[in-house]
Each structure stands twice: as C-alpha cells, then as structure tokens.
C-alpha cells in the first residue's frame, strides 16, 4: 500500500461572464480595462458559494471511491461563508460522511490549499481536501477581470494512488502583495510589476529548486509546471529561472475561467492530472506569504480511474453571461430595489436546523424495510397505501439519485434573486417524489420528463443576521453526462 493522491475532482460554475461586458461598462473610467476585455471568467450563480462549490468538487472526486473510508475533511479558502462555523463540517454533513471524522478549515493565505496538501501527504488518516473560492471584487478593479470562481478536491490516503509525492519544499516570508482585513470588503493590491520583481522572482525559484533537489529530479524532467499567476509570463519566467522547460508550463486557465484564488493550484493540478500519463511528473506551486512546491509522479493507476467531469468537463458545461448588471446583483455589489416580496423575515431557528439536519443538509429520506418503498422526507409511516407500516423507515440518501420533472412552474410573482423562480415536482427514478426548486435552468428548456440531478445550493440568505440556509435543488442532468 502506498500513500498519495487516490482521486481528484473539480467544480467550475456554469455561468461565464464575458470580460468585454466589464470593459464596456467601465471603459469610460478606466481605459486600461479594454485591453483586458478578452475571454471569460467563471461566476457563481446567486445560490452558490465556497461551501456549495466544495461539495460539488468533492462529489466529483469521490466518483468510484468508498466515501465511508474518508477519515478527515479539510477545506481551504479565503472566502468562507462563515467565520465562526466549521465550513468543512457543513460539507461533511452534505456528503453524509458521518460524525466520526476530523474536520478543519484552512485559510488566511493564497497558499492555504498547497500547505494543507503538504500536511495531508505526510501520512495519517484518509483525507478529503477541498479548496474553493468566491472572491468579492470591487467594480472596475483589475481583480474583477482576473478572478474566477471555482473549486477542486483531492482524496489523499493509503491505497493505489494515481499520483505520489516525490518531493516538496516550502518557504514562509511576510511578503504582502495584497491583503483584506475584517473591516474591508475587498482585497487591496499593490503594484503588479513590484509583485513580480520583488515577490515571485526572488521567492519562488529557490523553493522550486529545493523541491527538485529533495526529489532527486532534474528540472528538465518536469512534465507539467502548474503555478497560478495572472501576471503575463510570470510562471514562464519562474520556470526558466529554475531550469524547467517552457513547454512544461501549464495553461493557467485565465481565458476560460479566471484565477480561483487559494483553490487555483489544486484546480490546475486536477487539470494536469486529467491529461496525465503514467510516469509524468507534475509540479504544483502555491504563492502567498512565501511559496510551496510539490512534485508528483503519476502512476499507472491513473488509467483505471472512473470518468468524472473534472475541470475539462465543467468548463464544457457553460452558459455565456453578458449581463454585467446580473453579476453585480448576484454579488451584492449594487443595491437593487427587490420589492416587498423580498422583505420577509428569513430567520433560521437553529434548533429546528439541528433537528432536521439530516433531511435539509444530508438530503436523507426513508426506505421502508418491509416493502422497500422510497420516500422523502422520512416519516414514521410508510407512504405505500398497501403497506403503511410504522417505524420501518431506514435512512436513504437522495442526493446521488436522479429524477424526472413531473410538473414545473416558472413563477414571476414569487421573489427570486434571478427571476423567474423555477420549481416543480421531481419523480425520482428509484421511487419517491418531492416538490423542489430548480437551479442552473433556462426557462425555455423546461419540459416534463427532463432528467434532473441533485445539487447542494444556498436556499436563502437571512440578510438581517447574515445566516445562509442550504438545501438541495434539481439541475439538468444532461449537462453532467459521463459522471454519476
């Protein structure tokens, strides 16, 4: 048995904001934005955040894996929805991983994910490591152009790894290229050329060389070099300084996704593993108050890994979004008049949330042990009129089940942050039905009989107290073909 990366997955939101829309909106004020108005960046739907993306990336990672063997869950981000609630605990609950596991959050630096990965690879419990980011950006800022939303997940543990760590190195120094404090909503960034000349170039190449030396590998033998950097050619310059061939430098996905912050080193690693062959050597670098470098060697097990969407599949699952105002509204960058129907008090009784956590977060229904009937929600009495047995319900997860639309409504009277509110009756293929909200749907494409899959999303947000409730919604299953 060998320790290493057993599986991998990713999640990129469906919506792609065209950078030209940003440049067109603000070019009158900052003409330099027009030169950056090429390509597109991934943006979250109104009901997505770092937690929901981490859940989807983890589901992608766990395809073909025994989730019961996960012993620890860790989530890395600098944009956690909660500052004093275990965000990885929400993810573990949504994935129904049980309570007998360790969970922790890692943040406060752009290399939170790579540092957490180094720790996980030192041996120990089987760890599901996720990194997700939805960074707030100020309108007309360079970060608004370069950032993107997304997540990645790795399963690390003992077994038959698809990639094993053969060397790592790290350096910590308080180089402040940007920062965000509890009092500030947006990042404050210093001049880009200075970040390149005083940050990347002096700090990263020595760490890369130290990693290669520990692995006993020549720089020329690196197959793929993954280092997030939105500054043009910085990753190429770092690779050259360390002796790594320019051909090995990986695409940073800027044109089709944008940089996903602390998650981006793992997003790039997953993208590299999707194309990797046995024997390939992949180096991943995380930069932020120093640098981490990890060198992996791909094993023959990569060829036996079941299909998943990963980065490539999620990038293909896209819908172009040219409405810049919608992006601003989804991120509360502008204040809309949402009408009286949006003014209902959405306080969440935490006691009720605790009692119903398996139903609301884990999407656990029931299966009658007497007749086998499935139902949601789980109740004491079987819904089968030919059975009606009492207290025969066993826990039955519904999150991985698919269903079809029995009926639907596109409602423009009910308040929705993205009208119309689409919802309807879902008939699950194995049995059971539930009236539920739809997400990532186009109103004109709704049809009875359309296949749907479940996705973990934000149900609503209590704007008075800052609490957000999560639940499961139905999304078109056709976009997820090739993955369970």
Protein backbone atom coordinates (compact mmCIF):
# COMPACT_ATOMS: atom_id res chain seq x y z
CA UNK A 1 0.00 0.00 0.00
CA UNK A 2 1.31 3.44 -0.98
CA UNK A 3 0.35 6.88 0.27
CA UNK A 4 -0.63 9.54 -2.25
CA UNK A 5 -3.47 11.11 -4.23
CA UNK A 6 -6.15 8.44 -4.68
CA UNK A 7 -8.65 10.54 -6.63
CA UNK A 8 -9.36 14.07 -7.78
CA UNK A 9 -12.27 16.26 -8.86
CA UNK A 10 -13.25 19.83 -9.57
CA UNK A 11 -16.17 22.18 -9.98
CA UNK A 12 -16.45 25.30 -12.12
CA UNK A 13 -19.76 27.21 -12.05
CA UNK A 14 -21.87 27.09 -15.18
CA UNK A 15 -22.07 30.84 -15.79
CA UNK A 16 -19.28 32.60 -17.74
CA UNK A 17 -19.19 36.37 -17.58
CA UNK A 18 -17.64 37.89 -20.69
CA UNK A 19 -14.82 40.23 -19.74
CA UNK A 20 -15.86 42.50 -22.58
CA UNK A 21 -19.04 43.24 -20.63
CA UNK A 22 -16.93 44.51 -17.73
CA UNK A 23 -14.70 46.58 -20.02
CA UNK A 24 -17.70 48.06 -21.82
CA UNK A 25 -19.25 49.09 -18.51
CA UNK A 26 -16.15 50.76 -17.07
CA UNK A 27 -14.01 51.68 -20.06
CA UNK A 28 -15.19 55.28 -19.81
CA UNK A 29 -13.48 55.50 -16.42
CA UNK A 30 -10.54 53.11 -16.78
CA UNK A 31 -9.49 52.77 -20.40
CA UNK A 32 -6.87 50.15 -19.47
CA UNK A 33 -9.66 47.65 -18.83
CA UNK A 34 -10.38 47.47 -22.55
CA UNK A 35 -7.04 45.77 -23.09
CA UNK A 36 -8.07 43.07 -20.61
CA UNK A 37 -11.52 42.53 -22.06
CA UNK A 38 -10.81 39.20 -23.72
CA UNK A 39 -12.07 35.79 -22.70
CA UNK A 40 -14.43 34.97 -19.88
CA UNK A 41 -14.44 34.29 -16.15
CA UNK A 42 -16.47 31.75 -14.21
CA UNK A 43 -19.02 33.31 -11.87
CA UNK A 44 -21.24 31.74 -9.24
CA UNK A 45 -24.99 31.68 -9.57
CA UNK A 46 -26.78 33.63 -6.83
CA UNK A 47 -27.19 30.40 -4.81
CA UNK A 48 -23.55 29.31 -4.93
CA UNK A 49 -20.67 29.99 -2.57
CA UNK A 50 -17.41 28.37 -1.47
CA UNK A 51 -19.24 25.67 0.51
CA UNK A 52 -21.60 24.62 -2.29
CA UNK A 53 -18.71 24.51 -4.78
CA UNK A 54 -16.62 22.43 -2.35
CA UNK A 55 -19.48 19.93 -2.08
CA UNK A 56 -19.69 19.57 -5.86
CA UNK A 57 -15.91 19.22 -6.26
CA UNK A 58 -15.90 16.57 -3.53
CA UNK A 59 -18.73 14.65 -5.21
CA UNK A 60 -16.71 14.71 -8.44
CA UNK A 61 -13.64 13.48 -6.56
CA UNK A 62 -15.48 10.64 -4.83
CA UNK A 63 -16.75 9.05 -8.06
CA UNK A 64 -15.75 5.37 -7.82
CA UNK A 65 -14.43 5.78 -4.26
CA UNK A 66 -15.71 4.39 -0.98
CA UNK A 67 -16.77 7.53 0.89
CA UNK A 68 -17.04 5.51 4.10
CA UNK A 69 -13.24 5.30 4.19
CA UNK A 70 -12.82 9.08 4.47
CA UNK A 71 -11.44 9.80 7.95
CA UNK A 72 -10.77 13.54 7.72
CA UNK A 73 -12.21 16.50 5.81
CA UNK A 74 -10.37 19.76 5.26
CA UNK A 75 -11.44 22.84 3.34
CA UNK A 76 -9.14 25.63 2.19
CA UNK A 77 -10.44 29.08 1.27
CA UNK A 78 -10.05 32.77 1.98
CA UNK A 79 -13.78 33.37 1.37
CA UNK A 80 -15.53 31.07 3.81
CA UNK A 81 -19.23 31.91 4.17
CA UNK A 82 -18.88 31.57 7.96
CA UNK A 83 -16.09 32.92 10.16
CA UNK A 84 -17.19 31.08 13.30
CA UNK A 85 -18.80 27.92 11.97
CA UNK A 86 -16.91 24.90 10.67
CA UNK A 87 -17.39 25.21 6.92
CA UNK A 88 -15.86 21.80 6.27
CA UNK A 89 -18.40 20.44 8.75
CA UNK A 90 -21.23 21.68 6.51
CA UNK A 91 -19.57 19.91 3.57
CA UNK A 92 -19.16 16.68 5.54
CA UNK A 93 -22.83 16.80 6.55
CA UNK A 94 -23.93 17.37 2.96
CA UNK A 95 -21.81 14.42 1.80
CA UNK A 96 -23.17 12.19 4.59
CA UNK A 97 -19.66 11.24 5.69
CA UNK A 98 -20.73 10.62 9.28
CA UNK A 99 -19.59 12.21 12.51
CA UNK A 100 -16.58 10.05 13.32
CA UNK A 101 -14.10 12.10 11.38
CA UNK A 102 -11.82 15.08 11.85
CA UNK A 103 -12.71 18.32 10.09
CA UNK A 104 -10.88 21.61 9.80
CA UNK A 105 -10.73 24.82 7.78
CA UNK A 106 -7.55 26.39 6.39
CA UNK A 107 -7.31 29.99 5.21
CA UNK A 108 -5.63 33.37 5.58
CA UNK A 109 -3.31 32.87 2.60
CA UNK A 110 -3.43 32.12 -1.11
CA UNK A 111 -1.35 29.01 -0.46
CA UNK A 112 -3.78 27.60 2.08
CA UNK A 113 -4.58 24.68 -0.23
CA UNK A 114 -0.99 23.73 -1.07
CA UNK A 115 0.08 23.98 2.57
CA UNK A 116 -2.86 21.79 3.61
CA UNK A 117 -1.96 19.31 0.87
CA UNK A 118 1.64 19.07 2.11
CA UNK A 119 0.35 18.29 5.60
CA UNK A 120 -2.14 15.70 4.34
CA UNK A 121 0.55 13.93 2.31
CA UNK A 122 2.78 13.41 5.34
CA UNK A 123 0.70 10.35 6.20
CA UNK A 124 -2.18 9.78 8.53
CA UNK A 125 -5.92 9.48 8.01
CA UNK A 126 -7.56 9.29 4.60
CA UNK A 127 -8.29 12.96 3.93
CA UNK A 128 -10.73 14.64 1.58
CA UNK A 129 -9.12 18.00 0.87
CA UNK A 130 -11.17 20.68 -0.88
CA UNK A 131 -10.34 24.22 -1.92
CA UNK A 132 -12.97 26.68 -3.08
CA UNK A 133 -13.09 30.39 -3.65
CA UNK A 134 -15.65 33.06 -4.45
CA UNK A 135 -13.75 36.29 -4.03
CA UNK A 136 -15.55 39.62 -3.65
CA UNK A 137 -14.25 42.11 -6.21
CA UNK A 138 -14.60 45.86 -6.48
CA UNK A 139 -16.22 47.12 -9.66
CA UNK A 140 -13.73 48.31 -12.31
CA UNK A 141 -10.79 46.73 -10.46
CA UNK A 142 -8.15 44.54 -12.14
CA UNK A 143 -9.17 41.68 -9.83
CA UNK A 144 -12.70 41.83 -11.22
CA UNK A 145 -11.17 40.99 -14.60
CA UNK A 146 -8.74 38.28 -13.50
CA UNK A 147 -10.60 36.45 -10.73
CA UNK A 148 -12.84 33.44 -11.26
CA UNK A 149 -14.96 31.22 -9.04
CA UNK A 150 -14.28 27.51 -8.67
CA UNK A 151 -13.20 24.57 -6.55
CA UNK A 152 -11.08 21.42 -6.58
CA UNK A 153 -10.89 18.33 -4.38
CA UNK A 154 -8.32 15.62 -3.74
CA UNK A 155 -8.64 12.36 -1.85
CA UNK A 156 -5.35 11.65 -0.10
CA UNK A 157 -4.56 8.42 1.68
CA UNK A 158 -3.15 4.93 1.57
CA UNK A 159 -4.02 2.63 -1.29
CA UNK A 160 -3.33 2.66 -5.01
CA UNK A 161 -2.59 6.33 -5.70
CA UNK A 162 -2.88 7.93 -9.12
CA UNK A 163 -0.04 10.27 -8.15
CA UNK A 164 2.54 10.05 -5.39
CA UNK A 165 4.53 12.88 -3.84
CA UNK A 166 8.23 12.57 -4.56
CA UNK A 167 9.36 15.92 -3.18
CA UNK A 168 8.19 19.13 -1.56
CA UNK A 169 9.61 22.37 -0.20
CA UNK A 170 8.22 25.47 1.42
CA UNK A 171 9.29 28.96 2.44
CA UNK A 172 7.41 31.44 4.60
CA UNK A 173 8.02 35.17 4.49
CA UNK A 174 5.72 38.13 5.15
CA UNK A 175 5.68 39.46 1.61
CA UNK A 176 2.42 41.43 1.33
CA UNK A 177 1.30 41.62 -2.28
CA UNK A 178 -2.34 42.13 -1.29
CA UNK A 179 -4.46 41.94 1.84
CA UNK A 180 -8.01 42.05 3.18
CA UNK A 181 -8.91 42.79 6.80
CA UNK A 182 -12.10 42.08 8.77
CA UNK A 183 -13.06 45.71 8.23
CA UNK A 184 -12.52 45.70 4.46
CA UNK A 185 -14.80 44.02 1.95
CA UNK A 186 -12.33 43.85 -0.94
CA UNK A 187 -8.66 42.98 -1.40
CA UNK A 188 -6.18 45.83 -1.59
CA UNK A 189 -3.39 45.04 -4.04
CA UNK A 190 -0.02 46.65 -4.63
CA UNK A 191 1.61 47.42 -7.99
CA UNK A 192 1.83 44.36 -10.26
CA UNK A 193 5.36 44.84 -11.54
CA UNK A 194 6.65 45.12 -7.98
CA UNK A 195 4.84 41.90 -7.05
CA UNK A 196 6.61 40.17 -9.92
CA UNK A 197 10.08 41.61 -9.34
CA UNK A 198 10.15 41.59 -5.52
CA UNK A 199 7.84 38.63 -4.91
CA UNK A 200 7.60 35.86 -7.46
CA UNK A 201 11.08 36.04 -8.96
CA UNK A 202 13.18 36.15 -5.75
CA UNK A 203 10.96 33.85 -3.66
CA UNK A 204 9.68 31.05 -5.88
CA UNK A 205 12.67 29.71 -7.92
CA UNK A 206 14.71 28.75 -4.79
CA UNK A 207 11.73 26.80 -3.43
CA UNK A 208 11.26 25.02 -6.76
CA UNK A 209 14.95 24.12 -6.87
CA UNK A 210 14.83 22.84 -3.28
CA UNK A 211 11.85 20.64 -4.17
CA UNK A 212 13.67 19.20 -7.18
CA UNK A 213 16.76 18.54 -5.08
CA UNK A 214 14.76 16.66 -2.43
CA UNK A 215 13.13 14.56 -5.15
CA UNK A 216 16.42 13.93 -6.91
CA UNK A 217 14.84 15.01 -10.19
CA UNK A 218 16.37 17.22 -12.88
CA UNK A 219 14.40 20.33 -13.79
CA UNK A 220 14.26 19.18 -17.40
CA UNK A 221 12.34 16.08 -16.32
CA UNK A 222 9.31 18.03 -15.08
CA UNK A 223 6.41 17.24 -17.42
CA UNK A 224 3.96 19.91 -16.24
CA UNK A 225 4.60 23.06 -14.17
CA UNK A 226 1.44 24.42 -12.50
CA UNK A 227 1.79 27.84 -10.91
CA UNK A 228 -1.11 30.30 -10.76
CA UNK A 229 -0.09 33.80 -11.81
CA UNK A 230 -2.26 36.29 -13.62
CA UNK A 231 0.71 38.49 -14.47
CA UNK A 232 1.73 37.73 -18.04
CA UNK A 233 4.62 35.27 -18.44
CA UNK A 234 5.48 35.22 -14.71
CA UNK A 235 5.07 31.45 -14.50
CA UNK A 236 7.27 31.09 -17.60
CA UNK A 237 9.94 33.32 -16.03
CA UNK A 238 9.88 31.36 -12.77
CA UNK A 239 10.13 28.07 -14.65
CA UNK A 240 13.05 29.38 -16.70
CA UNK A 241 14.86 30.58 -13.57
CA UNK A 242 14.51 27.10 -12.08
CA UNK A 243 15.60 25.36 -15.30
CA UNK A 244 12.18 23.93 -16.18
CA UNK A 245 11.40 23.86 -19.92
CA UNK A 246 8.95 26.48 -21.16
CA UNK A 247 6.93 23.74 -22.85
CA UNK A 248 6.15 22.29 -19.41
CA UNK A 249 4.39 25.45 -18.18
CA UNK A 250 0.67 24.69 -17.79
CA UNK A 251 -2.13 26.87 -19.08
CA UNK A 252 -3.35 28.99 -16.15
CA UNK A 253 -6.96 28.83 -17.47
CA UNK A 254 -7.22 32.61 -17.43
CA UNK A 255 -9.03 32.83 -20.78
CA UNK A 256 -11.79 30.36 -19.88
CA UNK A 257 -12.11 30.52 -16.10
CA UNK A 258 -10.03 33.14 -14.32
CA UNK A 259 -7.89 32.60 -11.23
CA UNK A 260 -9.78 30.87 -8.44
CA UNK A 261 -7.65 32.25 -5.61
CA UNK A 262 -6.47 29.76 -3.00
CA UNK A 263 -8.14 26.97 -4.96
CA UNK A 264 -6.27 27.60 -8.18
CA UNK A 265 -3.13 25.50 -7.53
CA UNK A 266 -5.39 22.47 -6.99
CA UNK A 267 -7.60 23.40 -9.94
CA UNK A 268 -4.50 23.45 -12.15
CA UNK A 269 -3.27 20.19 -10.60
CA UNK A 270 -6.59 18.48 -11.35
CA UNK A 271 -6.49 19.82 -14.92
CA UNK A 272 -2.97 18.39 -15.30
CA UNK A 273 -3.95 15.01 -13.84
CA UNK A 274 -6.85 14.77 -16.30
CA UNK A 275 -4.36 14.77 -19.17
CA UNK A 276 -1.52 12.93 -17.41
CA UNK A 277 0.07 9.64 -18.34
CA UNK A 278 1.94 7.18 -16.08
CA UNK A 279 5.42 8.46 -15.39
CA UNK A 280 4.57 12.14 -15.84
CA UNK A 281 5.99 14.47 -13.23
CA UNK A 282 3.78 17.36 -12.21
CA UNK A 283 4.97 20.26 -10.08
CA UNK A 284 2.45 22.49 -8.29
CA UNK A 285 3.37 25.83 -6.74
CA UNK A 286 1.36 27.90 -4.30
CA UNK A 287 2.37 31.54 -3.76
CA UNK A 288 1.35 33.76 -0.87
CA UNK A 289 3.50 35.00 2.03
CA UNK A 290 6.12 32.63 0.73
CA UNK A 291 5.78 29.62 -1.52
CA UNK A 292 5.03 25.88 -1.53
CA UNK A 293 6.27 23.49 -4.19
CA UNK A 294 5.10 19.90 -4.56
CA UNK A 295 6.33 17.40 -7.15
CA UNK A 296 4.18 14.39 -8.06
CA UNK A 297 4.84 11.34 -10.16
CA UNK A 298 1.82 9.88 -11.94
CA UNK A 299 1.28 6.13 -11.54
CA UNK A 300 -0.39 3.51 -13.80
CA UNK A 301 -3.47 3.71 -11.53
CA UNK A 302 -4.43 6.92 -13.36
CA UNK A 303 -5.63 4.80 -16.27
CA UNK A 304 -8.10 2.88 -14.09
CA UNK A 305 -9.79 5.91 -12.54
CA UNK A 306 -13.52 6.15 -13.43
CA UNK A 307 -14.70 9.03 -15.63
CA UNK A 308 -15.58 12.33 -13.97
CA UNK A 309 -16.28 15.85 -15.18
CA UNK A 310 -13.24 17.43 -13.57
CA UNK A 311 -12.01 20.78 -14.83
CA UNK A 312 -12.41 19.94 -18.50
CA UNK A 313 -15.98 18.69 -18.17
CA UNK A 314 -17.13 21.61 -16.05
CA UNK A 315 -15.57 24.11 -18.44
CA UNK A 316 -17.60 22.48 -21.21
CA UNK A 317 -20.75 22.83 -19.09
CA UNK A 318 -21.07 26.55 -19.65
CA UNK A 319 -23.59 29.26 -20.35
CA UNK A 320 -22.39 32.61 -21.59
CA UNK A 321 -23.43 35.57 -19.46
CA UNK A 322 -23.09 39.02 -20.99
CA UNK A 323 -25.30 40.82 -18.44
CA UNK A 324 -22.82 42.58 -16.18
CA UNK A 325 -25.62 44.00 -14.02
CA UNK A 326 -26.68 40.48 -13.08
CA UNK A 327 -23.15 39.72 -11.88
CA UNK A 328 -23.20 42.85 -9.71
CA UNK A 329 -26.60 41.95 -8.28
CA UNK A 330 -25.63 38.33 -7.55
CA UNK A 331 -22.65 39.58 -5.52
CA UNK A 332 -24.44 42.47 -3.78
CA UNK A 333 -22.04 44.93 -5.36
CA UNK A 334 -25.03 47.10 -6.15
CA UNK A 335 -28.18 47.52 -4.09
CA UNK A 336 -31.34 46.64 -6.00
CA UNK A 337 -34.91 47.50 -5.11
CA UNK A 338 -36.06 43.91 -4.66
CA UNK A 339 -39.68 44.68 -3.84
CA UNK A 340 -41.94 43.88 -0.90
CA UNK A 341 -41.93 40.15 -1.58
CA UNK A 342 -38.24 40.08 -0.68
CA UNK A 343 -38.83 41.64 2.74
CA UNK A 344 -39.98 38.51 4.59
CA UNK A 345 -38.01 37.74 7.74
CA UNK A 346 -35.86 34.71 6.95
CA UNK A 347 -34.53 33.99 10.40
CA UNK A 348 -33.42 30.36 10.71
CA UNK A 349 -34.33 28.67 14.02
CA UNK A 350 -31.05 26.94 14.79
CA UNK A 351 -32.83 24.38 16.97
CA UNK A 352 -35.02 23.33 14.03
CA UNK A 353 -31.98 23.27 11.74
CA UNK A 354 -30.27 20.88 14.15
CA UNK A 355 -33.28 18.57 14.39
CA UNK A 356 -33.71 18.45 10.63
CA UNK A 357 -30.05 18.49 9.60
CA UNK A 358 -30.09 15.02 8.05
CA UNK A 359 -33.08 15.94 5.91
CA UNK A 360 -32.07 19.50 4.98
CA UNK A 361 -28.30 19.19 4.66
CA UNK A 362 -27.76 15.49 4.03
CA UNK A 363 -30.93 15.06 1.92
CA UNK A 364 -31.72 11.83 3.75
CA UNK A 365 -35.09 10.27 3.04
CA UNK A 366 -36.51 6.91 4.01
CA UNK A 367 -36.76 3.36 2.69
CA UNK A 368 -39.34 1.02 4.15
CA UNK A 369 -37.62 -2.14 5.40
CA UNK A 370 -40.88 -4.03 4.95
CA UNK A 371 -41.93 -3.18 1.37
CA UNK A 372 -38.90 -1.29 0.01
CA UNK A 373 -40.79 1.91 -0.83
CA UNK A 374 -38.64 5.06 -1.01
CA UNK A 375 -39.94 8.39 0.21
CA UNK A 376 -38.81 11.89 1.02
CA UNK A 377 -38.95 13.15 3.65
CA UNK A 378 -38.57 10.22 6.01
CA UNK A 379 -41.58 9.71 8.28
CA UNK A 380 -42.73 7.14 10.83
CA UNK A 381 -45.39 5.75 8.49
CA UNK A 382 -44.68 4.22 5.09
CA UNK A 383 -46.40 6.16 2.28
CA UNK A 384 -47.19 2.98 0.34
CA UNK A 385 -51.00 2.61 0.74
CA UNK A 386 -50.59 -1.17 0.55
CA UNK A 387 -48.09 -1.17 3.41
CA UNK A 388 -48.44 1.80 5.85
CA UNK A 389 -46.02 0.07 8.21
CA UNK A 390 -44.95 2.07 11.25
CA UNK A 391 -41.33 2.73 12.25
CA UNK A 392 -39.89 0.67 9.39
CA UNK A 393 -38.05 3.56 7.71
CA UNK A 394 -34.30 3.21 7.18
CA UNK A 395 -32.08 6.13 6.14
CA UNK A 396 -31.87 6.52 2.36
CA UNK A 397 -29.67 9.23 0.80
CA UNK A 398 -31.35 11.01 -2.11
CA UNK A 399 -28.52 13.37 -3.11
CA UNK A 400 -27.00 10.93 -5.61
CA UNK A 401 -30.34 9.99 -7.16
CA UNK A 402 -31.64 11.31 -10.44
CA UNK A 403 -35.24 12.00 -11.33
CA UNK A 404 -37.51 13.49 -13.96
CA UNK A 405 -39.73 16.55 -14.00
CA UNK A 406 -43.36 15.62 -13.38
CA UNK A 407 -44.57 19.21 -13.41
CA UNK A 408 -42.96 22.63 -13.35
CA UNK A 409 -43.64 26.32 -12.86
CA UNK A 410 -41.73 29.43 -13.89
CA UNK A 411 -43.08 31.87 -11.32
CA UNK A 412 -42.61 35.63 -11.71
CA UNK A 413 -44.72 36.55 -8.69
CA UNK A 414 -42.63 34.69 -6.10
CA UNK A 415 -39.46 36.60 -5.18
CA UNK A 416 -36.25 35.20 -6.66
CA UNK A 417 -32.80 36.82 -6.97
CA UNK A 418 -32.83 35.51 -10.56
CA UNK A 419 -36.44 35.55 -11.80
CA UNK A 420 -38.44 33.63 -12.67
CA UNK A 421 -38.38 31.21 -9.73
CA UNK A 422 -38.38 27.76 -11.33
CA UNK A 423 -39.58 24.79 -9.33
CA UNK A 424 -41.65 21.66 -9.72
CA UNK A 425 -42.32 18.06 -8.80
CA UNK A 426 -39.40 15.66 -9.23
CA UNK A 427 -40.14 11.96 -9.53
CA UNK A 428 -37.06 10.00 -8.52
CA UNK A 429 -36.24 7.05 -10.74
CA UNK A 430 -35.92 4.60 -7.85
CA UNK A 431 -39.06 5.88 -6.17
CA UNK A 432 -40.12 8.88 -4.14
CA UNK A 433 -41.05 12.39 -5.21
CA UNK A 434 -40.52 15.90 -3.92
CA UNK A 435 -41.54 19.44 -4.86
CA UNK A 436 -38.28 21.34 -5.11
CA UNK A 437 -36.53 24.39 -6.50
CA UNK A 438 -34.60 24.17 -9.78
CA UNK A 439 -31.22 25.75 -10.38
CA UNK A 440 -28.97 26.32 -13.42
CA UNK A 441 -32.00 26.03 -15.69
CA UNK A 442 -33.20 28.02 -18.67
CA UNK A 443 -36.92 28.70 -18.52
CA UNK A 444 -37.48 27.88 -22.19
CA UNK A 445 -35.83 24.47 -21.84
CA UNK A 446 -38.04 23.21 -19.02
CA UNK A 447 -40.10 20.20 -20.04
CA UNK A 448 -41.97 17.36 -18.40
CA UNK A 449 -39.79 14.26 -18.41
CA UNK A 450 -36.47 16.12 -18.42
CA UNK A 451 -33.84 14.26 -16.35
CA UNK A 452 -32.57 16.13 -13.29
CA UNK A 453 -29.80 15.60 -10.74
CA UNK A 454 -29.45 16.99 -7.24
CA UNK A 455 -27.13 19.87 -6.36
CA UNK A 456 -26.32 21.38 -2.96
CA UNK A 457 -27.11 25.10 -3.02
CA UNK A 458 -27.99 28.12 -0.91
CA UNK A 459 -31.72 28.02 -0.18
CA UNK A 460 -31.93 31.60 1.03
CA UNK A 461 -29.96 34.20 2.98
CA UNK A 462 -31.11 35.99 6.11
CA UNK A 463 -29.88 39.46 5.22
CA UNK A 464 -30.66 40.81 8.70
CA UNK A 465 -28.39 38.35 10.51
CA UNK A 466 -26.05 37.14 7.76
CA UNK A 467 -27.04 33.47 8.07
CA UNK A 468 -27.48 31.34 4.99
CA UNK A 469 -29.52 28.17 4.74
CA UNK A 470 -28.54 25.34 2.43
CA UNK A 471 -30.70 22.74 0.75
CA UNK A 472 -30.72 20.58 -2.36
CA UNK A 473 -32.06 21.71 -5.72
CA UNK A 474 -32.66 20.00 -9.06
CA UNK A 475 -30.47 20.81 -12.07
CA UNK A 476 -30.48 19.46 -15.63
CA UNK A 477 -28.74 16.06 -15.59
CA UNK A 478 -27.81 16.09 -19.27
CA UNK A 479 -25.02 18.57 -18.57
CA UNK A 480 -23.38 16.04 -16.24
CA UNK A 481 -23.21 13.12 -18.69
CA UNK A 482 -20.16 10.97 -18.10
CA UNK A 483 -20.37 11.23 -14.35
CA UNK A 484 -22.55 9.52 -11.76
